[in-house]
Amino acid sequence: GGLLLLGGRIGDIMGRRSTLICGVLLFCLASLLGGL
């Protein structure tokens, strides 16, 4: 919630497709670390 609006701004400035991929990969890495 705290970074949701910043995330949207990053997509506008850096390009949405690459931002989506970076966000998803970060989410996956965090999920792996959490499971371990």
ModelCIF file with pLDDT and N, C-alpha, C, O atoms, coordinates in Angstrom:
data_MODEL
#
_entry.id   MODEL 
#
_entity.id                         1 
_entity.type                       polymer 
_entity.pdbx_number_of_molecules   1 
#
_entity_poly.entity_id                      1 
_entity_poly.type                           'polypeptide(L)' 
_entity_poly.nstd_linkage                   no 
_entity_poly.nstd_monomer                   no 
_entity_poly.pdbx_seq_one_letter_code       GGLLLLGGRIGDIMGRRSTLICGVLLFCLASLLGGL 
_entity_poly.pdbx_seq_one_letter_code_can   GGLLLLGGRIGDIMGRRSTLICGVLLFCLASLLGGL 
_entity_poly.pdbx_strand_id                 A 
#
loop_
_entity_poly_seq.entity_id 
_entity_poly_seq.num 
_entity_poly_seq.mon_id 
_entity_poly_seq.hetero 
1 1  GLY n 
1 2  GLY n 
1 3  LEU n 
1 4  LEU n 
1 5  LEU n 
1 6  LEU n 
1 7  GLY n 
1 8  GLY n 
1 9  ARG n 
1 10 ILE n 
1 11 GLY n 
1 12 ASP n 
1 13 ILE n 
1 14 MET n 
1 15 GLY n 
1 16 ARG n 
1 17 ARG n 
1 18 SER n 
1 19 THR n 
1 20 LEU n 
1 21 ILE n 
1 22 CYS n 
1 23 GLY n 
1 24 VAL n 
1 25 LEU n 
1 26 LEU n 
1 27 PHE n 
1 28 CYS n 
1 29 LEU n 
1 30 ALA n 
1 31 SER n 
1 32 LEU n 
1 33 LEU n 
1 34 GLY n 
1 35 GLY n 
1 36 LEU n 
#
_struct_asym.id          A 
_struct_asym.entity_id   1 
#
loop_
_ma_qa_metric.id 
_ma_qa_metric.mode 
_ma_qa_metric.name 
_ma_qa_metric.software_group_id 
_ma_qa_metric.type 
1 global pLDDT . pLDDT 
2 local  pLDDT . pLDDT 
#
_ma_qa_metric_global.metric_id      1 
_ma_qa_metric_global.metric_value   84.17 
_ma_qa_metric_global.model_id       1 
_ma_qa_metric_global.ordinal_id     1 
#
loop_
_ma_qa_metric_local.label_asym_id 
_ma_qa_metric_local.label_comp_id 
_ma_qa_metric_local.label_seq_id 
_ma_qa_metric_local.metric_id 
_ma_qa_metric_local.metric_value 
_ma_qa_metric_local.model_id 
_ma_qa_metric_local.ordinal_id 
A GLY 1  2 76.00 1 1  
A GLY 2  2 75.00 1 2  
A LEU 3  2 78.00 1 3  
A LEU 4  2 77.00 1 4  
A LEU 5  2 75.00 1 5  
A LEU 6  2 78.00 1 6  
A GLY 7  2 78.00 1 7  
A GLY 8  2 74.00 1 8  
A ARG 9  2 76.00 1 9  
A ILE 10 2 78.00 1 10 
A GLY 11 2 75.00 1 11 
A ASP 12 2 72.00 1 12 
A ILE 13 2 76.00 1 13 
A MET 14 2 77.00 1 14 
A GLY 15 2 77.00 1 15 
A ARG 16 2 77.00 1 16 
A ARG 17 2 82.00 1 17 
A SER 18 2 84.00 1 18 
A THR 19 2 85.00 1 19 
A LEU 20 2 86.00 1 20 
A ILE 21 2 89.00 1 21 
A CYS 22 2 90.00 1 22 
A GLY 23 2 90.00 1 23 
A VAL 24 2 91.00 1 24 
A LEU 25 2 93.00 1 25 
A LEU 26 2 93.00 1 26 
A PHE 27 2 93.00 1 27 
A CYS 28 2 93.00 1 28 
A LEU 29 2 94.00 1 29 
A ALA 30 2 93.00 1 30 
A SER 31 2 93.00 1 31 
A LEU 32 2 94.00 1 32 
A LEU 33 2 94.00 1 33 
A GLY 34 2 91.00 1 34 
A GLY 35 2 91.00 1 35 
A LEU 36 2 92.00 1 36 
#
loop_
_atom_site.group_PDB 
_atom_site.id 
_atom_site.type_symbol 
_atom_site.label_atom_id 
_atom_site.label_alt_id 
_atom_site.label_comp_id 
_atom_site.label_asym_id 
_atom_site.label_entity_id 
_atom_site.label_seq_id 
_atom_site.pdbx_PDB_ins_code 
_atom_site.Cartn_x 
_atom_site.Cartn_y 
_atom_site.Cartn_z 
_atom_site.occupancy 
_atom_site.B_iso_or_equiv 
_atom_site.pdbx_formal_charge 
_atom_site.auth_seq_id 
_atom_site.auth_comp_id 
_atom_site.auth_asym_id 
_atom_site.auth_atom_id 
_atom_site.pdbx_PDB_model_num 
ATOM 1   N N  . GLY A 1 1  ? 0.799  -1.217  0.000   1.00 76.00 ? 1  GLY A N  1 
ATOM 2   C CA . GLY A 1 1  ? 0.000  0.000   0.000   1.00 76.00 ? 1  GLY A CA 1 
ATOM 3   C C  . GLY A 1 1  ? 0.830  1.265   0.000   1.00 76.00 ? 1  GLY A C  1 
ATOM 4   O O  . GLY A 1 1  ? 0.492  2.235   -0.679  1.00 76.00 ? 1  GLY A O  1 
ATOM 5   N N  . GLY A 1 2  ? 1.933  1.263   0.769   1.00 75.00 ? 2  GLY A N  1 
ATOM 6   C CA . GLY A 1 2  ? 2.751  2.460   0.876   1.00 75.00 ? 2  GLY A CA 1 
ATOM 7   C C  . GLY A 1 2  ? 3.484  2.822   -0.407  1.00 75.00 ? 2  GLY A C  1 
ATOM 8   O O  . GLY A 1 2  ? 3.773  3.994   -0.649  1.00 75.00 ? 2  GLY A O  1 
ATOM 9   N N  . LEU A 1 3  ? 3.787  1.825   -1.230  1.00 78.00 ? 3  LEU A N  1 
ATOM 10  C CA . LEU A 1 3  ? 4.582  2.071   -2.435  1.00 78.00 ? 3  LEU A CA 1 
ATOM 11  C C  . LEU A 1 3  ? 3.781  1.890   -3.719  1.00 78.00 ? 3  LEU A C  1 
ATOM 12  O O  . LEU A 1 3  ? 4.349  1.929   -4.810  1.00 78.00 ? 3  LEU A O  1 
ATOM 13  N N  . LEU A 1 4  ? 2.469  1.692   -3.604  1.00 77.00 ? 4  LEU A N  1 
ATOM 14  C CA . LEU A 1 4  ? 1.632  1.416   -4.770  1.00 77.00 ? 4  LEU A CA 1 
ATOM 15  C C  . LEU A 1 4  ? 1.666  2.560   -5.778  1.00 77.00 ? 4  LEU A C  1 
ATOM 16  O O  . LEU A 1 4  ? 1.818  2.321   -6.976  1.00 77.00 ? 4  LEU A O  1 
ATOM 17  N N  . LEU A 1 5  ? 1.528  3.782   -5.314  1.00 75.00 ? 5  LEU A N  1 
ATOM 18  C CA . LEU A 1 5  ? 1.527  4.926   -6.224  1.00 75.00 ? 5  LEU A CA 1 
ATOM 19  C C  . LEU A 1 5  ? 2.911  5.150   -6.829  1.00 75.00 ? 5  LEU A C  1 
ATOM 20  O O  . LEU A 1 5  ? 3.030  5.544   -7.989  1.00 75.00 ? 5  LEU A O  1 
ATOM 21  N N  . LEU A 1 6  ? 3.958  4.898   -6.036  1.00 78.00 ? 6  LEU A N  1 
ATOM 22  C CA . LEU A 1 6  ? 5.319  4.998   -6.569  1.00 78.00 ? 6  LEU A CA 1 
ATOM 23  C C  . LEU A 1 6  ? 5.536  3.952   -7.660  1.00 78.00 ? 6  LEU A C  1 
ATOM 24  O O  . LEU A 1 6  ? 6.191  4.227   -8.666  1.00 78.00 ? 6  LEU A O  1 
ATOM 25  N N  . GLY A 1 7  ? 4.985  2.748   -7.460  1.00 78.00 ? 7  GLY A N  1 
ATOM 26  C CA . GLY A 1 7  ? 5.113  1.707   -8.467  1.00 78.00 ? 7  GLY A CA 1 
ATOM 27  C C  . GLY A 1 7  ? 4.489  2.121   -9.789  1.00 78.00 ? 7  GLY A C  1 
ATOM 28  O O  . GLY A 1 7  ? 5.060  1.874   -10.851 1.00 78.00 ? 7  GLY A O  1 
ATOM 29  N N  . GLY A 1 8  ? 3.324  2.748   -9.732  1.00 74.00 ? 8  GLY A N  1 
ATOM 30  C CA . GLY A 1 8  ? 2.706  3.241   -10.954 1.00 74.00 ? 8  GLY A CA 1 
ATOM 31  C C  . GLY A 1 8  ? 3.547  4.309   -11.624 1.00 74.00 ? 8  GLY A C  1 
ATOM 32  O O  . GLY A 1 8  ? 3.651  4.341   -12.851 1.00 74.00 ? 8  GLY A O  1 
ATOM 33  N N  . ARG A 1 9  ? 4.150  5.185   -10.831 1.00 76.00 ? 9  ARG A N  1 
ATOM 34  C CA . ARG A 1 9  ? 5.007  6.232   -11.384 1.00 76.00 ? 9  ARG A CA 1 
ATOM 35  C C  . ARG A 1 9  ? 6.243  5.638   -12.054 1.00 76.00 ? 9  ARG A C  1 
ATOM 36  O O  . ARG A 1 9  ? 6.672  6.116   -13.104 1.00 76.00 ? 9  ARG A O  1 
ATOM 37  N N  . ILE A 1 10 ? 6.814  4.602   -11.452 1.00 78.00 ? 10 ILE A N  1 
ATOM 38  C CA . ILE A 1 10 ? 7.991  3.948   -12.043 1.00 78.00 ? 10 ILE A CA 1 
ATOM 39  C C  . ILE A 1 10 ? 7.644  3.397   -13.426 1.00 78.00 ? 10 ILE A C  1 
ATOM 40  O O  . ILE A 1 10 ? 8.429  3.535   -14.364 1.00 78.00 ? 10 ILE A O  1 
ATOM 41  N N  . GLY A 1 11 ? 6.474  2.774   -13.554 1.00 75.00 ? 11 GLY A N  1 
ATOM 42  C CA . GLY A 1 11 ? 6.056  2.240   -14.843 1.00 75.00 ? 11 GLY A CA 1 
ATOM 43  C C  . GLY A 1 11 ? 5.898  3.321   -15.897 1.00 75.00 ? 11 GLY A C  1 
ATOM 44  O O  . GLY A 1 11 ? 6.267  3.120   -17.054 1.00 75.00 ? 11 GLY A O  1 
ATOM 45  N N  . ASP A 1 12 ? 5.352  4.467   -15.507 1.00 72.00 ? 12 ASP A N  1 
ATOM 46  C CA . ASP A 1 12 ? 5.178  5.561   -16.460 1.00 72.00 ? 12 ASP A CA 1 
ATOM 47  C C  . ASP A 1 12 ? 6.519  6.093   -16.952 1.00 72.00 ? 12 ASP A C  1 
ATOM 48  O O  . ASP A 1 12 ? 6.661  6.419   -18.131 1.00 72.00 ? 12 ASP A O  1 
ATOM 49  N N  . ILE A 1 13 ? 7.491  6.182   -16.070 1.00 76.00 ? 13 ILE A N  1 
ATOM 50  C CA . ILE A 1 13 ? 8.775  6.797   -16.404 1.00 76.00 ? 13 ILE A CA 1 
ATOM 51  C C  . ILE A 1 13 ? 9.743  5.809   -17.058 1.00 76.00 ? 13 ILE A C  1 
ATOM 52  O O  . ILE A 1 13 ? 10.447 6.162   -18.004 1.00 76.00 ? 13 ILE A O  1 
ATOM 53  N N  . MET A 1 14 ? 9.778  4.578   -16.557 1.00 77.00 ? 14 MET A N  1 
ATOM 54  C CA . MET A 1 14 ? 10.760 3.599   -17.018 1.00 77.00 ? 14 MET A CA 1 
ATOM 55  C C  . MET A 1 14 ? 10.233 2.667   -18.106 1.00 77.00 ? 14 MET A C  1 
ATOM 56  O O  . MET A 1 14 ? 11.007 1.906   -18.686 1.00 77.00 ? 14 MET A O  1 
ATOM 57  N N  . GLY A 1 15 ? 8.942  2.711   -18.391 1.00 77.00 ? 15 GLY A N  1 
ATOM 58  C CA . GLY A 1 15 ? 8.350  1.778   -19.344 1.00 77.00 ? 15 GLY A CA 1 
ATOM 59  C C  . GLY A 1 15 ? 7.622  0.681   -18.599 1.00 77.00 ? 15 GLY A C  1 
ATOM 60  O O  . GLY A 1 15 ? 8.189  0.054   -17.705 1.00 77.00 ? 15 GLY A O  1 
ATOM 61  N N  . ARG A 1 16 ? 6.356  0.440   -18.962 1.00 77.00 ? 16 ARG A N  1 
ATOM 62  C CA . ARG A 1 16 ? 5.518  -0.432  -18.142 1.00 77.00 ? 16 ARG A CA 1 
ATOM 63  C C  . ARG A 1 16 ? 5.870  -1.908  -18.276 1.00 77.00 ? 16 ARG A C  1 
ATOM 64  O O  . ARG A 1 16 ? 5.796  -2.644  -17.292 1.00 77.00 ? 16 ARG A O  1 
ATOM 65  N N  . ARG A 1 17 ? 6.248  -2.356  -19.461 1.00 82.00 ? 17 ARG A N  1 
ATOM 66  C CA . ARG A 1 17 ? 6.524  -3.787  -19.621 1.00 82.00 ? 17 ARG A CA 1 
ATOM 67  C C  . ARG A 1 17 ? 7.752  -4.206  -18.826 1.00 82.00 ? 17 ARG A C  1 
ATOM 68  O O  . ARG A 1 17 ? 7.721  -5.211  -18.116 1.00 82.00 ? 17 ARG A O  1 
ATOM 69  N N  . SER A 1 18 ? 8.825  -3.448  -18.942 1.00 84.00 ? 18 SER A N  1 
ATOM 70  C CA . SER A 1 18 ? 10.033 -3.798  -18.189 1.00 84.00 ? 18 SER A CA 1 
ATOM 71  C C  . SER A 1 18 ? 9.807  -3.651  -16.696 1.00 84.00 ? 18 SER A C  1 
ATOM 72  O O  . SER A 1 18 ? 10.350 -4.424  -15.906 1.00 84.00 ? 18 SER A O  1 
ATOM 73  N N  . THR A 1 19 ? 9.005  -2.662  -16.299 1.00 85.00 ? 19 THR A N  1 
ATOM 74  C CA . THR A 1 19 ? 8.690  -2.485  -14.878 1.00 85.00 ? 19 THR A CA 1 
ATOM 75  C C  . THR A 1 19 ? 7.872  -3.664  -14.368 1.00 85.00 ? 19 THR A C  1 
ATOM 76  O O  . THR A 1 19 ? 8.101  -4.143  -13.257 1.00 85.00 ? 19 THR A O  1 
ATOM 77  N N  . LEU A 1 20 ? 6.916  -4.138  -15.175 1.00 86.00 ? 20 LEU A N  1 
ATOM 78  C CA . LEU A 1 20 ? 6.117  -5.302  -14.798 1.00 86.00 ? 20 LEU A CA 1 
ATOM 79  C C  . LEU A 1 20 ? 7.022  -6.515  -14.570 1.00 86.00 ? 20 LEU A C  1 
ATOM 80  O O  . LEU A 1 20 ? 6.886  -7.215  -13.567 1.00 86.00 ? 20 LEU A O  1 
ATOM 81  N N  . ILE A 1 21 ? 7.932  -6.755  -15.491 1.00 89.00 ? 21 ILE A N  1 
ATOM 82  C CA . ILE A 1 21 ? 8.826  -7.917  -15.377 1.00 89.00 ? 21 ILE A CA 1 
ATOM 83  C C  . ILE A 1 21 ? 9.688  -7.809  -14.122 1.00 89.00 ? 21 ILE A C  1 
ATOM 84  O O  . ILE A 1 21 ? 9.849  -8.790  -13.396 1.00 89.00 ? 21 ILE A O  1 
ATOM 85  N N  . CYS A 1 22 ? 10.242 -6.630  -13.862 1.00 90.00 ? 22 CYS A N  1 
ATOM 86  C CA . CYS A 1 22 ? 11.080 -6.442  -12.661 1.00 90.00 ? 22 CYS A CA 1 
ATOM 87  C C  . CYS A 1 22 ? 10.265 -6.672  -11.389 1.00 90.00 ? 22 CYS A C  1 
ATOM 88  O O  . CYS A 1 22 ? 10.733 -7.324  -10.455 1.00 90.00 ? 22 CYS A O  1 
ATOM 89  N N  . GLY A 1 23 ? 9.044  -6.135  -11.357 1.00 90.00 ? 23 GLY A N  1 
ATOM 90  C CA . GLY A 1 23 ? 8.201  -6.320  -10.180 1.00 90.00 ? 23 GLY A CA 1 
ATOM 91  C C  . GLY A 1 23 ? 7.844  -7.772  -9.947  1.00 90.00 ? 23 GLY A C  1 
ATOM 92  O O  . GLY A 1 23 ? 7.865  -8.244  -8.810  1.00 90.00 ? 23 GLY A O  1 
ATOM 93  N N  . VAL A 1 24 ? 7.514  -8.493  -11.020 1.00 91.00 ? 24 VAL A N  1 
ATOM 94  C CA . VAL A 1 24 ? 7.155  -9.906  -10.903 1.00 91.00 ? 24 VAL A CA 1 
ATOM 95  C C  . VAL A 1 24 ? 8.349  -10.741 -10.444 1.00 91.00 ? 24 VAL A C  1 
ATOM 96  O O  . VAL A 1 24 ? 8.205  -11.616 -9.590  1.00 91.00 ? 24 VAL A O  1 
ATOM 97  N N  . LEU A 1 25 ? 9.533  -10.472 -11.013 1.00 93.00 ? 25 LEU A N  1 
ATOM 98  C CA . LEU A 1 25 ? 10.718 -11.238 -10.616 1.00 93.00 ? 25 LEU A CA 1 
ATOM 99  C C  . LEU A 1 25 ? 11.094 -10.959 -9.158  1.00 93.00 ? 25 LEU A C  1 
ATOM 100 O O  . LEU A 1 25 ? 11.521 -11.865 -8.443  1.00 93.00 ? 25 LEU A O  1 
ATOM 101 N N  . LEU A 1 26 ? 10.937 -9.706  -8.717  1.00 93.00 ? 26 LEU A N  1 
ATOM 102 C CA . LEU A 1 26 ? 11.185 -9.397  -7.312  1.00 93.00 ? 26 LEU A CA 1 
ATOM 103 C C  . LEU A 1 26 ? 10.197 -10.127 -6.421  1.00 93.00 ? 26 LEU A C  1 
ATOM 104 O O  . LEU A 1 26 ? 10.567 -10.636 -5.363  1.00 93.00 ? 26 LEU A O  1 
ATOM 105 N N  . PHE A 1 27 ? 8.940  -10.181 -6.845  1.00 93.00 ? 27 PHE A N  1 
ATOM 106 C CA . PHE A 1 27 ? 7.910  -10.904 -6.104  1.00 93.00 ? 27 PHE A CA 1 
ATOM 107 C C  . PHE A 1 27 ? 8.261  -12.390 -6.005  1.00 93.00 ? 27 PHE A C  1 
ATOM 108 O O  . PHE A 1 27 ? 8.095  -13.002 -4.950  1.00 93.00 ? 27 PHE A O  1 
ATOM 109 N N  . CYS A 1 28 ? 8.744  -12.963 -7.100  1.00 93.00 ? 28 CYS A N  1 
ATOM 110 C CA . CYS A 1 28 ? 9.121  -14.382 -7.111  1.00 93.00 ? 28 CYS A CA 1 
ATOM 111 C C  . CYS A 1 28 ? 10.295 -14.649 -6.176  1.00 93.00 ? 28 CYS A C  1 
ATOM 112 O O  . CYS A 1 28 ? 10.283 -15.616 -5.414  1.00 93.00 ? 28 CYS A O  1 
ATOM 113 N N  . LEU A 1 29 ? 11.313 -13.784 -6.236  1.00 94.00 ? 29 LEU A N  1 
ATOM 114 C CA . LEU A 1 29 ? 12.472 -13.952 -5.359  1.00 94.00 ? 29 LEU A CA 1 
ATOM 115 C C  . LEU A 1 29 ? 12.053 -13.893 -3.898  1.00 94.00 ? 29 LEU A C  1 
ATOM 116 O O  . LEU A 1 29 ? 12.499 -14.703 -3.085  1.00 94.00 ? 29 LEU A O  1 
ATOM 117 N N  . ALA A 1 30 ? 11.199 -12.937 -3.568  1.00 93.00 ? 30 ALA A N  1 
ATOM 118 C CA . ALA A 1 30 ? 10.722 -12.808 -2.190  1.00 93.00 ? 30 ALA A CA 1 
ATOM 119 C C  . ALA A 1 30 ? 9.925  -14.033 -1.773  1.00 93.00 ? 30 ALA A C  1 
ATOM 120 O O  . ALA A 1 30 ? 10.049 -14.501 -0.641  1.00 93.00 ? 30 ALA A O  1 
ATOM 121 N N  . SER A 1 31 ? 9.104  -14.560 -2.686  1.00 93.00 ? 31 SER A N  1 
ATOM 122 C CA . SER A 1 31 ? 8.326  -15.758 -2.374  1.00 93.00 ? 31 SER A CA 1 
ATOM 123 C C  . SER A 1 31 ? 9.234  -16.940 -2.094  1.00 93.00 ? 31 SER A C  1 
ATOM 124 O O  . SER A 1 31 ? 8.985  -17.714 -1.169  1.00 93.00 ? 31 SER A O  1 
ATOM 125 N N  . LEU A 1 32 ? 10.285 -17.083 -2.887  1.00 94.00 ? 32 LEU A N  1 
ATOM 126 C CA . LEU A 1 32 ? 11.241 -18.169 -2.671  1.00 94.00 ? 32 LEU A CA 1 
ATOM 127 C C  . LEU A 1 32 ? 11.935 -18.026 -1.318  1.00 94.00 ? 32 LEU A C  1 
ATOM 128 O O  . LEU A 1 32 ? 12.071 -19.001 -0.579  1.00 94.00 ? 32 LEU A O  1 
ATOM 129 N N  . LEU A 1 33 ? 12.366 -16.826 -1.000  1.00 94.00 ? 33 LEU A N  1 
ATOM 130 C CA . LEU A 1 33 ? 13.030 -16.594 0.285   1.00 94.00 ? 33 LEU A CA 1 
ATOM 131 C C  . LEU A 1 33 ? 12.077 -16.843 1.452   1.00 94.00 ? 33 LEU A C  1 
ATOM 132 O O  . LEU A 1 33 ? 12.471 -17.406 2.474   1.00 94.00 ? 33 LEU A O  1 
ATOM 133 N N  . GLY A 1 34 ? 10.826 -16.423 1.296   1.00 91.00 ? 34 GLY A N  1 
ATOM 134 C CA . GLY A 1 34 ? 9.842  -16.654 2.352   1.00 91.00 ? 34 GLY A CA 1 
ATOM 135 C C  . GLY A 1 34 ? 9.569  -18.131 2.567   1.00 91.00 ? 34 GLY A C  1 
ATOM 136 O O  . GLY A 1 34 ? 9.442  -18.582 3.705   1.00 91.00 ? 34 GLY A O  1 
ATOM 137 N N  . GLY A 1 35 ? 9.479  -18.889 1.480   1.00 91.00 ? 35 GLY A N  1 
ATOM 138 C CA . GLY A 1 35 ? 9.245  -20.319 1.608   1.00 91.00 ? 35 GLY A CA 1 
ATOM 139 C C  . GLY A 1 35 ? 10.406 -21.049 2.260   1.00 91.00 ? 35 GLY A C  1 
ATOM 140 O O  . GLY A 1 35 ? 10.214 -22.093 2.884   1.00 91.00 ? 35 GLY A O  1 
ATOM 141 N N  . LEU A 1 36 ? 11.607 -20.509 2.119   1.00 92.00 ? 36 LEU A N  1 
ATOM 142 C CA . LEU A 1 36 ? 12.805 -21.128 2.707   1.00 92.00 ? 36 LEU A CA 1 
ATOM 143 C C  . LEU A 1 36 ? 13.091 -20.621 4.116   1.00 92.00 ? 36 LEU A C  1 
ATOM 144 O O  . LEU A 1 36 ? 14.063 -21.047 4.740   1.00 92.00 ? 36 LEU A O  1 
#
